[in-house]
Structures are given as structure tokens and as C-alpha cells.
Amino acid sequence: MCEQLKAVSTEVNTLTGDTLTLSYNYNKITYQDYFFWYKQDPGKAPEFLISHSTSGVVGEAAVDGLKINVKTNQLQMIISSAALSHSAVYYCAVRPTVTANTQSLLI
């Protein structure tokens, strides 16, 4: 599954105050998928930023001001006003909410 989620660009540059868009291509988007975005500053562990469903509905958000856009086969995290503090490595991960066994559990 990891090979299906790929950064559109390995490096994105913008000016302070401009909009910054980070994009990932994902060839097999399904309604069951949920996406997680992380930021990693140099010498630090990755920090959770935001999560969202395939429809773009945002779940948890650790940082205000981030927007999510889900297009056909592409995910975007948008930072409306870029700052020097946004310089980092960003990751997007996917997790299906339903696994191979979709039957109800009977107790």
C-alpha cells in the first residue's frame, strides 16, 4: 500500500506569507481511507499535524490554519500563510478504516 502514496514534488519553495500547498498522489482512494499528515523539524521526531477522511472532512488537528483538499487521486495540505517555521520535512500516511474482515463482530 505504501507505494500508492507518493509526493508530487520532493521539494516545495514559497515566499513568506504566500500559500504553500503540499500534494500527494494516491491511486487507490476509497471511502475507507483516512490520512495523517506529519511535520519533521531537523533533529526532531515527526509531529502530528492533521488527519482527514477521503472526503476531506478533518478529524483531529494539532495545528490551526491548515486546510485539506482531496481531489481525484490527489491529496493536498494547504498552509495559507507560509512562515520560516514551516521549513521542514512533511509526510502523509494512509490507514484504511476497514480491514479485510468487514463482518460484524458478534458477542
PDB file of N, CA and C in Angstrom:
ATOM      1  N   MET A   1       0.818  -1.198   0.000  1.00  0.00           N
ATOM      2  CA  MET A   1       0.000   0.000   0.000  1.00  0.00           C
ATOM      3  C   MET A   1       0.866   1.269   0.000  1.00  0.00           C
ATOM      4  N   CYS A   2       2.051   1.232   0.589  1.00  0.00           N
ATOM      5  CA  CYS A   2       2.893   2.415   0.698  1.00  0.00           C
ATOM      6  C   CYS A   2       3.280   2.988  -0.658  1.00  0.00           C
ATOM      7  N   GLU A   3       3.466   2.121  -1.660  1.00  0.00           N
ATOM      8  CA  GLU A   3       3.888   2.610  -2.961  1.00  0.00           C
ATOM      9  C   GLU A   3       2.807   3.413  -3.675  1.00  0.00           C
ATOM     10  N   GLN A   4       1.578   3.379  -3.194  1.00  0.00           N
ATOM     11  CA  GLN A   4       0.477   4.086  -3.830  1.00  0.00           C
ATOM     12  C   GLN A   4       0.389   5.549  -3.399  1.00  0.00           C
ATOM     13  N   LEU A   5       1.034   5.921  -2.307  1.00  0.00           N
ATOM     14  CA  LEU A   5       1.006   7.283  -1.785  1.00  0.00           C
ATOM     15  C   LEU A   5       2.361   7.913  -2.053  1.00  0.00           C
ATOM     16  N   LYS A   6       2.402   8.917  -2.962  1.00  0.00           N
ATOM     17  CA  LYS A   6       3.683   9.473  -3.392  1.00  0.00           C
ATOM     18  C   LYS A   6       3.608  10.992  -3.482  1.00  0.00           C
ATOM     19  N   ALA A   7       4.643  11.656  -2.941  1.00  0.00           N
ATOM     20  CA  ALA A   7       4.715  13.114  -3.016  1.00  0.00           C
ATOM     21  C   ALA A   7       4.778  13.565  -4.465  1.00  0.00           C
ATOM     22  N   VAL A   8       4.021  14.603  -4.806  1.00  0.00           N
ATOM     23  CA  VAL A   8       4.038  15.153  -6.161  1.00  0.00           C
ATOM     24  C   VAL A   8       5.397  15.798  -6.426  1.00  0.00           C
ATOM     25  N   SER A   9       5.931  16.479  -5.430  1.00  0.00           N
ATOM     26  CA  SER A   9       7.231  17.127  -5.544  1.00  0.00           C
ATOM     27  C   SER A   9       8.031  16.839  -4.279  1.00  0.00           C
ATOM     28  N   THR A  10       9.310  16.561  -4.427  1.00  0.00           N
ATOM     29  CA  THR A  10      10.137  16.283  -3.256  1.00  0.00           C
ATOM     30  C   THR A  10      10.588  17.556  -2.553  1.00  0.00           C
ATOM     31  N   GLU A  11      10.426  18.698  -3.224  1.00  0.00           N
ATOM     32  CA  GLU A  11      10.795  19.979  -2.618  1.00  0.00           C
ATOM     33  C   GLU A  11       9.832  21.053  -3.103  1.00  0.00           C
ATOM     34  N   VAL A  12       9.318  21.840  -2.147  1.00  0.00           N
ATOM     35  CA  VAL A  12       8.403  22.931  -2.474  1.00  0.00           C
ATOM     36  C   VAL A  12       8.962  24.206  -1.866  1.00  0.00           C
ATOM     37  N   ASN A  13       9.038  25.262  -2.668  1.00  0.00           N
ATOM     38  CA  ASN A  13       9.547  26.551  -2.198  1.00  0.00           C
ATOM     39  C   ASN A  13       8.466  27.614  -2.356  1.00  0.00           C
ATOM     40  N   THR A  14       8.416  28.535  -1.401  1.00  0.00           N
ATOM     41  CA  THR A  14       7.480  29.654  -1.483  1.00  0.00           C
ATOM     42  C   THR A  14       8.036  30.824  -0.681  1.00  0.00           C
ATOM     43  N   LEU A  15       7.459  31.970  -0.864  1.00  0.00           N
ATOM     44  CA  LEU A  15       7.861  33.161  -0.128  1.00  0.00           C
ATOM     45  C   LEU A  15       7.060  33.273   1.163  1.00  0.00           C
ATOM     46  N   THR A  16       7.628  33.915   2.154  1.00  0.00           N
ATOM     47  CA  THR A  16       6.932  34.156   3.414  1.00  0.00           C
ATOM     48  C   THR A  16       5.621  34.884   3.143  1.00  0.00           C
ATOM     49  N   GLY A  17       4.557  34.386   3.722  1.00  0.00           N
ATOM     50  CA  GLY A  17       3.241  34.997   3.555  1.00  0.00           C
ATOM     51  C   GLY A  17       2.417  34.413   2.419  1.00  0.00           C
ATOM     52  N   ASP A  18       3.060  33.701   1.500  1.00  0.00           N
ATOM     53  CA  ASP A  18       2.343  33.080   0.386  1.00  0.00           C
ATOM     54  C   ASP A  18       1.695  31.767   0.827  1.00  0.00           C
ATOM     55  N   THR A  19       0.803  31.263  -0.003  1.00  0.00           N
ATOM     56  CA  THR A  19       0.170  29.984   0.248  1.00  0.00           C
ATOM     57  C   THR A  19       1.124  28.863  -0.148  1.00  0.00           C
ATOM     58  N   LEU A  20       1.208  27.855   0.694  1.00  0.00           N
ATOM     59  CA  LEU A  20       2.059  26.699   0.467  1.00  0.00           C
ATOM     60  C   LEU A  20       1.167  25.469   0.348  1.00  0.00           C
ATOM     61  N   THR A  21       1.286  24.739  -0.759  1.00  0.00           N
ATOM     62  CA  THR A  21       0.475  23.548  -0.977  1.00  0.00           C
ATOM     63  C   THR A  21       1.383  22.333  -1.110  1.00  0.00           C
ATOM     64  N   LEU A  22       1.151  21.343  -0.256  1.00  0.00           N
ATOM     65  CA  LEU A  22       1.879  20.082  -0.310  1.00  0.00           C
ATOM     66  C   LEU A  22       0.936  19.027  -0.866  1.00  0.00           C
ATOM     67  N   SER A  23       1.348  18.332  -1.910  1.00  0.00           N
ATOM     68  CA  SER A  23       0.459  17.398  -2.608  1.00  0.00           C
ATOM     69  C   SER A  23       1.039  15.996  -2.657  1.00  0.00           C
ATOM     70  N   TYR A  24       0.141  15.027  -2.508  1.00  0.00           N
ATOM     71  CA  TYR A  24       0.480  13.612  -2.653  1.00  0.00           C
ATOM     72  C   TYR A  24      -0.481  12.977  -3.630  1.00  0.00           C
ATOM     73  N   ASN A  25       0.034  12.155  -4.527  1.00  0.00           N
ATOM     74  CA  ASN A  25      -0.811  11.353  -5.411  1.00  0.00           C
ATOM     75  C   ASN A  25      -1.119  10.038  -4.703  1.00  0.00           C
ATOM     76  N   TYR A  26      -2.355   9.591  -4.851  1.00  0.00           N
ATOM     77  CA  TYR A  26      -2.785   8.328  -4.254  1.00  0.00           C
ATOM     78  C   TYR A  26      -3.738   7.664  -5.227  1.00  0.00           C
ATOM     79  N   ASN A  27      -3.291   6.595  -5.853  1.00  0.00           N
ATOM     80  CA  ASN A  27      -4.027   5.985  -6.952  1.00  0.00           C
ATOM     81  C   ASN A  27      -5.257   5.184  -6.550  1.00  0.00           C
ATOM     82  N   LYS A  28      -5.361   4.819  -5.303  1.00  0.00           N
ATOM     83  CA  LYS A  28      -6.472   3.952  -4.913  1.00  0.00           C
ATOM     84  C   LYS A  28      -7.255   4.535  -3.747  1.00  0.00           C
ATOM     85  N   ILE A  29      -7.726   5.761  -3.880  1.00  0.00           N
ATOM     86  CA  ILE A  29      -8.530   6.382  -2.824  1.00  0.00           C
ATOM     87  C   ILE A  29      -9.863   5.654  -2.727  1.00  0.00           C
ATOM     88  N   THR A  30     -10.200   5.228  -1.520  1.00  0.00           N
ATOM     89  CA  THR A  30     -11.502   4.615  -1.264  1.00  0.00           C
ATOM     90  C   THR A  30     -12.143   5.325  -0.079  1.00  0.00           C
ATOM     91  N   TYR A  31     -13.432   5.141   0.097  1.00  0.00           N
ATOM     92  CA  TYR A  31     -14.150   5.792   1.192  1.00  0.00           C
ATOM     93  C   TYR A  31     -13.666   5.303   2.556  1.00  0.00           C
ATOM     94  N   GLN A  32     -12.935   4.209   2.592  1.00  0.00           N
ATOM     95  CA  GLN A  32     -12.469   3.634   3.853  1.00  0.00           C
ATOM     96  C   GLN A  32     -11.149   4.233   4.342  1.00  0.00           C
ATOM     97  N   ASP A  33     -10.478   4.993   3.521  1.00  0.00           N
ATOM     98  CA  ASP A  33      -9.152   5.503   3.869  1.00  0.00           C
ATOM     99  C   ASP A  33      -9.227   6.718   4.784  1.00  0.00           C
ATOM    100  N   TYR A  34      -8.192   6.863   5.602  1.00  0.00           N
ATOM    101  CA  TYR A  34      -8.043   8.021   6.479  1.00  0.00           C
ATOM    102  C   TYR A  34      -6.581   8.432   6.394  1.00  0.00           C
ATOM    103  N   PHE A  35      -6.323   9.728   6.311  1.00  0.00           N
ATOM    104  CA  PHE A  35      -4.979  10.230   6.049  1.00  0.00           C
ATOM    105  C   PHE A  35      -4.453  11.050   7.229  1.00  0.00           C
ATOM    106  N   PHE A  36      -3.143  10.957   7.446  1.00  0.00           N
ATOM    107  CA  PHE A  36      -2.480  11.625   8.555  1.00  0.00           C
ATOM    108  C   PHE A  36      -1.282  12.391   8.020  1.00  0.00           C
ATOM    109  N   TRP A  37      -1.144  13.651   8.416  1.00  0.00           N
ATOM    110  CA  TRP A  37      -0.037  14.497   7.973  1.00  0.00           C
ATOM    111  C   TRP A  37       0.877  14.784   9.167  1.00  0.00           C
ATOM    112  N   TYR A  38       2.196  14.752   8.902  1.00  0.00           N
ATOM    113  CA  TYR A  38       3.200  14.980   9.936  1.00  0.00           C
ATOM    114  C   TYR A  38       4.241  15.975   9.428  1.00  0.00           C
ATOM    115  N   LYS A  39       4.837  16.688  10.374  1.00  0.00           N
ATOM    116  CA  LYS A  39       5.929  17.625  10.080  1.00  0.00           C
ATOM    117  C   LYS A  39       7.131  17.174  10.901  1.00  0.00           C
ATOM    118  N   GLN A  40       8.310  17.157  10.274  1.00  0.00           N
ATOM    119  CA  GLN A  40       9.517  16.793  10.995  1.00  0.00           C
ATOM    120  C   GLN A  40      10.563  17.889  10.852  1.00  0.00           C
ATOM    121  N   ASP A  41      10.859  18.536  11.969  1.00  0.00           N
ATOM    122  CA  ASP A  41      11.920  19.542  12.011  1.00  0.00           C
ATOM    123  C   ASP A  41      13.262  18.826  12.139  1.00  0.00           C
ATOM    124  N   PRO A  42      14.352  19.451  11.669  1.00  0.00           N
ATOM    125  CA  PRO A  42      15.674  18.816  11.737  1.00  0.00           C
ATOM    126  C   PRO A  42      16.030  18.387  13.161  1.00  0.00           C
ATOM    127  N   GLY A  43      16.479  17.134  13.298  1.00  0.00           N
ATOM    128  CA  GLY A  43      16.906  16.613  14.591  1.00  0.00           C
ATOM    129  C   GLY A  43      15.782  16.272  15.556  1.00  0.00           C
ATOM    130  N   LYS A  44      14.526  16.328  15.103  1.00  0.00           N
ATOM    131  CA  LYS A  44      13.382  16.044  15.973  1.00  0.00           C
ATOM    132  C   LYS A  44      12.536  14.913  15.403  1.00  0.00           C
ATOM    133  N   ALA A  45      11.700  14.358  16.248  1.00  0.00           N
ATOM    134  CA  ALA A  45      10.773  13.318  15.819  1.00  0.00           C
ATOM    135  C   ALA A  45       9.633  13.958  15.022  1.00  0.00           C
ATOM    136  N   PRO A  46       8.972  13.200  14.145  1.00  0.00           N
ATOM    137  CA  PRO A  46       7.815  13.747  13.419  1.00  0.00           C
ATOM    138  C   PRO A  46       6.718  14.190  14.384  1.00  0.00           C
ATOM    139  N   GLU A  47       6.054  15.285  14.034  1.00  0.00           N
ATOM    140  CA  GLU A  47       4.980  15.860  14.849  1.00  0.00           C
ATOM    141  C   GLU A  47       3.665  15.762  14.070  1.00  0.00           C
ATOM    142  N   PHE A  48       2.639  15.209  14.705  1.00  0.00           N
ATOM    143  CA  PHE A  48       1.333  15.091  14.066  1.00  0.00           C
ATOM    144  C   PHE A  48       0.752  16.471  13.800  1.00  0.00           C
ATOM    145  N   LEU A  49       0.182  16.684  12.605  1.00  0.00           N
ATOM    146  CA  LEU A  49      -0.418  17.964  12.246  1.00  0.00           C
ATOM    147  C   LEU A  49      -1.929  17.890  12.110  1.00  0.00           C
ATOM    148  N   ILE A  50      -2.409  16.955  11.266  1.00  0.00           N
ATOM    149  CA  ILE A  50      -3.832  16.937  10.952  1.00  0.00           C
ATOM    150  C   ILE A  50      -4.193  15.569  10.361  1.00  0.00           C
ATOM    151  N   SER A  51      -5.438  15.174  10.545  1.00  0.00           N
ATOM    152  CA  SER A  51      -5.928  13.942   9.922  1.00  0.00           C
ATOM    153  C   SER A  51      -7.250  14.245   9.224  1.00  0.00           C
ATOM    154  N   HIS A  52      -7.577  13.428   8.206  1.00  0.00           N
ATOM    155  CA  HIS A  52      -8.814  13.665   7.471  1.00  0.00           C
ATOM    156  C   HIS A  52      -9.268  12.414   6.739  1.00  0.00           C
ATOM    157  N   SER A  53     -10.529  12.405   6.382  1.00  0.00           N
ATOM    158  CA  SER A  53     -11.104  11.295   5.630  1.00  0.00           C
ATOM    159  C   SER A  53     -10.903  11.526   4.138  1.00  0.00           C
ATOM    160  N   THR A  54     -11.306  10.550   3.352  1.00  0.00           N
ATOM    161  CA  THR A  54     -11.222  10.650   1.894  1.00  0.00           C
ATOM    162  C   THR A  54     -12.037  11.820   1.365  1.00  0.00           C
ATOM    163  N   SER A  55     -13.138  12.138   2.043  1.00  0.00           N
ATOM    164  CA  SER A  55     -13.983  13.250   1.599  1.00  0.00           C
ATOM    165  C   SER A  55     -13.388  14.609   1.945  1.00  0.00           C
ATOM    166  N   GLY A  56     -12.307  14.618   2.737  1.00  0.00           N
ATOM    167  CA  GLY A  56     -11.679  15.873   3.138  1.00  0.00           C
ATOM    168  C   GLY A  56     -12.172  16.385   4.473  1.00  0.00           C
ATOM    169  N   VAL A  57     -13.074  15.650   5.121  1.00  0.00           N
ATOM    170  CA  VAL A  57     -13.568  16.052   6.441  1.00  0.00           C
ATOM    171  C   VAL A  57     -12.435  15.880   7.443  1.00  0.00           C
ATOM    172  N   VAL A  58     -12.082  16.971   8.106  1.00  0.00           N
ATOM    173  CA  VAL A  58     -10.950  16.980   9.030  1.00  0.00           C
ATOM    174  C   VAL A  58     -11.369  16.401  10.379  1.00  0.00           C
ATOM    175  N   GLY A  59     -10.541  15.480  10.873  1.00  0.00           N
ATOM    176  CA  GLY A  59     -10.757  14.898  12.191  1.00  0.00           C
ATOM    177  C   GLY A  59      -9.976  15.702  13.207  1.00  0.00           C
ATOM    178  N   GLU A  60      -8.895  15.121  13.658  1.00  0.00           N
ATOM    179  CA  GLU A  60      -8.047  15.799  14.624  1.00  0.00           C
ATOM    180  C   GLU A  60      -7.168  16.824  13.908  1.00  0.00           C
ATOM    181  N   ALA A  61      -6.908  17.917  14.589  1.00  0.00           N
ATOM    182  CA  ALA A  61      -5.977  18.912  14.046  1.00  0.00           C
ATOM    183  C   ALA A  61      -5.144  19.455  15.193  1.00  0.00           C
ATOM    184  N   ALA A  62      -3.845  19.248  15.119  1.00  0.00           N
ATOM    185  CA  ALA A  62      -2.953  19.731  16.165  1.00  0.00           C
ATOM    186  C   ALA A  62      -2.514  21.162  15.899  1.00  0.00           C
ATOM    187  N   VAL A  63      -2.721  21.635  14.677  1.00  0.00           N
ATOM    188  CA  VAL A  63      -2.283  22.973  14.280  1.00  0.00           C
ATOM    189  C   VAL A  63      -3.438  23.684  13.582  1.00  0.00           C
ATOM    190  N   ASP A  64      -3.740  24.896  14.015  1.00  0.00           N
ATOM    191  CA  ASP A  64      -4.780  25.686  13.350  1.00  0.00           C
ATOM    192  C   ASP A  64      -4.248  26.264  12.043  1.00  0.00           C
ATOM    193  N   GLY A  65      -5.148  26.563  11.120  1.00  0.00           N
ATOM    194  CA  GLY A  65      -4.774  27.237   9.889  1.00  0.00           C
ATOM    195  C   GLY A  65      -4.413  26.320   8.737  1.00  0.00           C
ATOM    196  N   LEU A  66      -4.497  25.011   8.941  1.00  0.00           N
ATOM    197  CA  LEU A  66      -4.230  24.078   7.849  1.00  0.00           C
ATOM    198  C   LEU A  66      -5.541  23.732   7.162  1.00  0.00           C
ATOM    199  N   LYS A  67      -5.500  23.614   5.853  1.00  0.00           N
ATOM    200  CA  LYS A  67      -6.677  23.216   5.089  1.00  0.00           C
ATOM    201  C   LYS A  67      -6.349  21.951   4.315  1.00  0.00           C
ATOM    202  N   ILE A  68      -7.370  21.164   4.072  1.00  0.00           N
ATOM    203  CA  ILE A  68      -7.214  19.921   3.326  1.00  0.00           C
ATOM    204  C   ILE A  68      -8.062  19.991   2.070  1.00  0.00           C
ATOM    205  N   ASN A  69      -7.510  19.527   0.963  1.00  0.00           N
ATOM    206  CA  ASN A  69      -8.236  19.449  -0.295  1.00  0.00           C
ATOM    207  C   ASN A  69      -8.002  18.045  -0.864  1.00  0.00           C
ATOM    208  N   VAL A  70      -9.089  17.319  -1.126  1.00  0.00           N
ATOM    209  CA  VAL A  70      -8.972  15.989  -1.711  1.00  0.00           C
ATOM    210  C   VAL A  70      -9.541  16.042  -3.117  1.00  0.00           C
ATOM    211  N   LYS A  71      -8.678  15.796  -4.097  1.00  0.00           N
ATOM    212  CA  LYS A  71      -9.086  15.734  -5.497  1.00  0.00           C
ATOM    213  C   LYS A  71      -9.054  14.269  -5.919  1.00  0.00           C
ATOM    214  N   THR A  72      -9.485  13.996  -7.129  1.00  0.00           N
ATOM    215  CA  THR A  72      -9.382  12.638  -7.642  1.00  0.00           C
ATOM    216  C   THR A  72      -7.915  12.234  -7.666  1.00  0.00           C
ATOM    217  N   ASN A  73      -7.582  11.237  -6.897  1.00  0.00           N
ATOM    218  CA  ASN A  73      -6.224  10.682  -6.833  1.00  0.00           C
ATOM    219  C   ASN A  73      -5.161  11.649  -6.308  1.00  0.00           C
ATOM    220  N   GLN A  74      -5.567  12.726  -5.646  1.00  0.00           N
ATOM    221  CA  GLN A  74      -4.574  13.630  -5.083  1.00  0.00           C
ATOM    222  C   GLN A  74      -5.071  14.237  -3.771  1.00  0.00           C
ATOM    223  N   LEU A  75      -4.154  14.323  -2.801  1.00  0.00           N
ATOM    224  CA  LEU A  75      -4.430  14.939  -1.500  1.00  0.00           C
ATOM    225  C   LEU A  75      -3.567  16.180  -1.392  1.00  0.00           C
ATOM    226  N   GLN A  76      -4.121  17.241  -0.813  1.00  0.00           N
ATOM    227  CA  GLN A  76      -3.345  18.463  -0.617  1.00  0.00           C
ATOM    228  C   GLN A  76      -3.531  18.985   0.798  1.00  0.00           C
ATOM    229  N   MET A  77      -2.425  19.380   1.414  1.00  0.00           N
ATOM    230  CA  MET A  77      -2.474  20.123   2.673  1.00  0.00           C
ATOM    231  C   MET A  77      -2.025  21.531   2.329  1.00  0.00           C
ATOM    232  N   ILE A  78      -2.830  22.517   2.694  1.00  0.00           N
ATOM    233  CA  ILE A  78      -2.574  23.901   2.322  1.00  0.00           C
ATOM    234  C   ILE A  78      -2.287  24.723   3.569  1.00  0.00           C
ATOM    235  N   ILE A  79      -1.162  25.411   3.556  1.00  0.00           N
ATOM    236  CA  ILE A  79      -0.791  26.346   4.621  1.00  0.00           C
ATOM    237  C   ILE A  79      -1.021  27.729   4.044  1.00  0.00           C
ATOM    238  N   SER A  80      -1.986  28.469   4.613  1.00  0.00           N
ATOM    239  CA  SER A  80      -2.436  29.714   3.995  1.00  0.00           C
ATOM    240  C   SER A  80      -1.410  30.846   4.036  1.00  0.00           C
ATOM    241  N   SER A  81      -0.561  30.879   5.030  1.00  0.00           N
ATOM    242  CA  SER A  81       0.422  31.951   5.126  1.00  0.00           C
ATOM    243  C   SER A  81       1.756  31.362   5.576  1.00  0.00           C
ATOM    244  N   ALA A  82       2.593  31.027   4.616  1.00  0.00           N
ATOM    245  CA  ALA A  82       3.859  30.360   4.907  1.00  0.00           C
ATOM    246  C   ALA A  82       4.780  31.243   5.751  1.00  0.00           C
ATOM    247  N   ALA A  83       5.492  30.587   6.664  1.00  0.00           N
ATOM    248  CA  ALA A  83       6.458  31.266   7.523  1.00  0.00           C
ATOM    249  C   ALA A  83       7.739  30.430   7.548  1.00  0.00           C
ATOM    250  N   LEU A  84       8.817  31.037   7.994  1.00  0.00           N
ATOM    251  CA  LEU A  84      10.088  30.327   8.089  1.00  0.00           C
ATOM    252  C   LEU A  84       9.948  29.083   8.958  1.00  0.00           C
ATOM    253  N   SER A  85       9.099  29.132   9.963  1.00  0.00           N
ATOM    254  CA  SER A  85       8.892  27.987  10.867  1.00  0.00           C
ATOM    255  C   SER A  85       8.257  26.790  10.165  1.00  0.00           C
ATOM    256  N   HIS A  86       7.728  26.976   8.962  1.00  0.00           N
ATOM    257  CA  HIS A  86       7.147  25.868   8.202  1.00  0.00           C
ATOM    258  C   HIS A  86       8.201  25.077   7.428  1.00  0.00           C
ATOM    259  N   SER A  87       9.446  25.556   7.424  1.00  0.00           N
ATOM    260  CA  SER A  87      10.522  24.832   6.730  1.00  0.00           C
ATOM    261  C   SER A  87      10.797  23.529   7.463  1.00  0.00           C
ATOM    262  N   ALA A  88      10.495  22.405   6.828  1.00  0.00           N
ATOM    263  CA  ALA A  88      10.641  21.091   7.450  1.00  0.00           C
ATOM    264  C   ALA A  88      10.386  20.015   6.406  1.00  0.00           C
ATOM    265  N   VAL A  89      10.460  18.772   6.833  1.00  0.00           N
ATOM    266  CA  VAL A  89      10.068  17.641   6.002  1.00  0.00           C
ATOM    267  C   VAL A  89       8.651  17.272   6.413  1.00  0.00           C
ATOM    268  N   TYR A  90       7.785  17.066   5.420  1.00  0.00           N
ATOM    269  CA  TYR A  90       6.390  16.708   5.680  1.00  0.00           C
ATOM    270  C   TYR A  90       6.109  15.309   5.147  1.00  0.00           C
ATOM    271  N   TYR A  91       5.250  14.596   5.874  1.00  0.00           N
ATOM    272  CA  TYR A  91       4.858  13.246   5.483  1.00  0.00           C
ATOM    273  C   TYR A  91       3.342  13.134   5.485  1.00  0.00           C
ATOM    274  N   CYS A  92       2.849  12.293   4.592  1.00  0.00           N
ATOM    275  CA  CYS A  92       1.437  11.931   4.599  1.00  0.00           C
ATOM    276  C   CYS A  92       1.372  10.413   4.665  1.00  0.00           C
ATOM    277  N   ALA A  93       0.528   9.895   5.546  1.00  0.00           N
ATOM    278  CA  ALA A  93       0.357   8.447   5.688  1.00  0.00           C
ATOM    279  C   ALA A  93      -1.116   8.112   5.538  1.00  0.00           C
ATOM    280  N   VAL A  94      -1.395   6.897   5.097  1.00  0.00           N
ATOM    281  CA  VAL A  94      -2.782   6.467   4.908  1.00  0.00           C
ATOM    282  C   VAL A  94      -3.037   5.224   5.748  1.00  0.00           C
ATOM    283  N   ARG A  95      -4.261   5.163   6.263  1.00  0.00           N
ATOM    284  CA  ARG A  95      -4.693   3.986   7.015  1.00  0.00           C
ATOM    285  C   ARG A  95      -6.128   3.675   6.624  1.00  0.00           C
ATOM    286  N   PRO A  96      -6.407   2.450   6.154  1.00  0.00           N
ATOM    287  CA  PRO A  96      -7.800   2.107   5.891  1.00  0.00           C
ATOM    288  C   PRO A  96      -8.544   1.946   7.209  1.00  0.00           C
ATOM    289  N   THR A  97      -9.785   2.397   7.252  1.00  0.00           N
ATOM    290  CA  THR A  97     -10.561   2.268   8.485  1.00  0.00           C
ATOM    291  C   THR A  97     -11.224   0.910   8.586  1.00  0.00           C
ATOM    292  N   VAL A  98     -11.286   0.179   7.484  1.00  0.00           N
ATOM    293  CA  VAL A  98     -11.850  -1.168   7.481  1.00  0.00           C
ATOM    294  C   VAL A  98     -10.814  -2.097   6.888  1.00  0.00           C
ATOM    295  N   THR A  99     -10.525  -3.196   7.583  1.00  0.00           N
ATOM    296  CA  THR A  99      -9.540  -4.151   7.078  1.00  0.00           C
ATOM    297  C   THR A  99     -10.243  -5.237   6.280  1.00  0.00           C
ATOM    298  N   ALA A 100      -9.521  -6.277   5.931  1.00  0.00           N
ATOM    299  CA  ALA A 100     -10.063  -7.351   5.090  1.00  0.00           C
ATOM    300  C   ALA A 100     -11.310  -8.000   5.681  1.00  0.00           C
ATOM    301  N   ASN A 101     -11.429  -8.085   6.983  1.00  0.00           N
ATOM    302  CA  ASN A 101     -12.593  -8.696   7.607  1.00  0.00           C
ATOM    303  C   ASN A 101     -13.620  -7.612   7.893  1.00  0.00           C
ATOM    304  N   THR A 102     -14.635  -7.523   7.057  1.00  0.00           N
ATOM    305  CA  THR A 102     -15.651  -6.477   7.206  1.00  0.00           C
ATOM    306  C   THR A 102     -16.924  -6.983   7.873  1.00  0.00           C
ATOM    307  N   GLN A 103     -16.914  -8.237   8.361  1.00  0.00           N
ATOM    308  CA  GLN A 103     -18.103  -8.785   9.027  1.00  0.00           C
ATOM    309  C   GLN A 103     -18.229  -8.220  10.428  1.00  0.00           C
ATOM    310  N   SER A 104     -19.460  -8.114  10.899  1.00  0.00           N
ATOM    311  CA  SER A 104     -19.713  -7.618  12.242  1.00  0.00           C
ATOM    312  C   SER A 104     -19.226  -8.633  13.278  1.00  0.00           C
ATOM    313  N   LEU A 105     -18.769  -8.124  14.392  1.00  0.00           N
ATOM    314  CA  LEU A 105     -18.359  -8.961  15.488  1.00  0.00           C
ATOM    315  C   LEU A 105     -19.568  -9.297  16.352  1.00  0.00           C
ATOM    316  N   LEU A 106     -19.813 -10.563  16.554  1.00  0.00           N
ATOM    317  CA  LEU A 106     -20.937 -10.987  17.382  1.00  0.00           C
ATOM    318  C   LEU A 106     -20.446 -11.407  18.749  1.00  0.00           C
ATOM    319  N   ILE A 107     -21.080 -10.899  19.793  1.00  0.00           N
ATOM    320  CA  ILE A 107     -20.667 -11.236  21.156  1.00  0.00           C
ATOM    321  C   ILE A 107     -21.767 -12.037  21.832  1.00  0.00           C
TER     322      ILE A 107
END
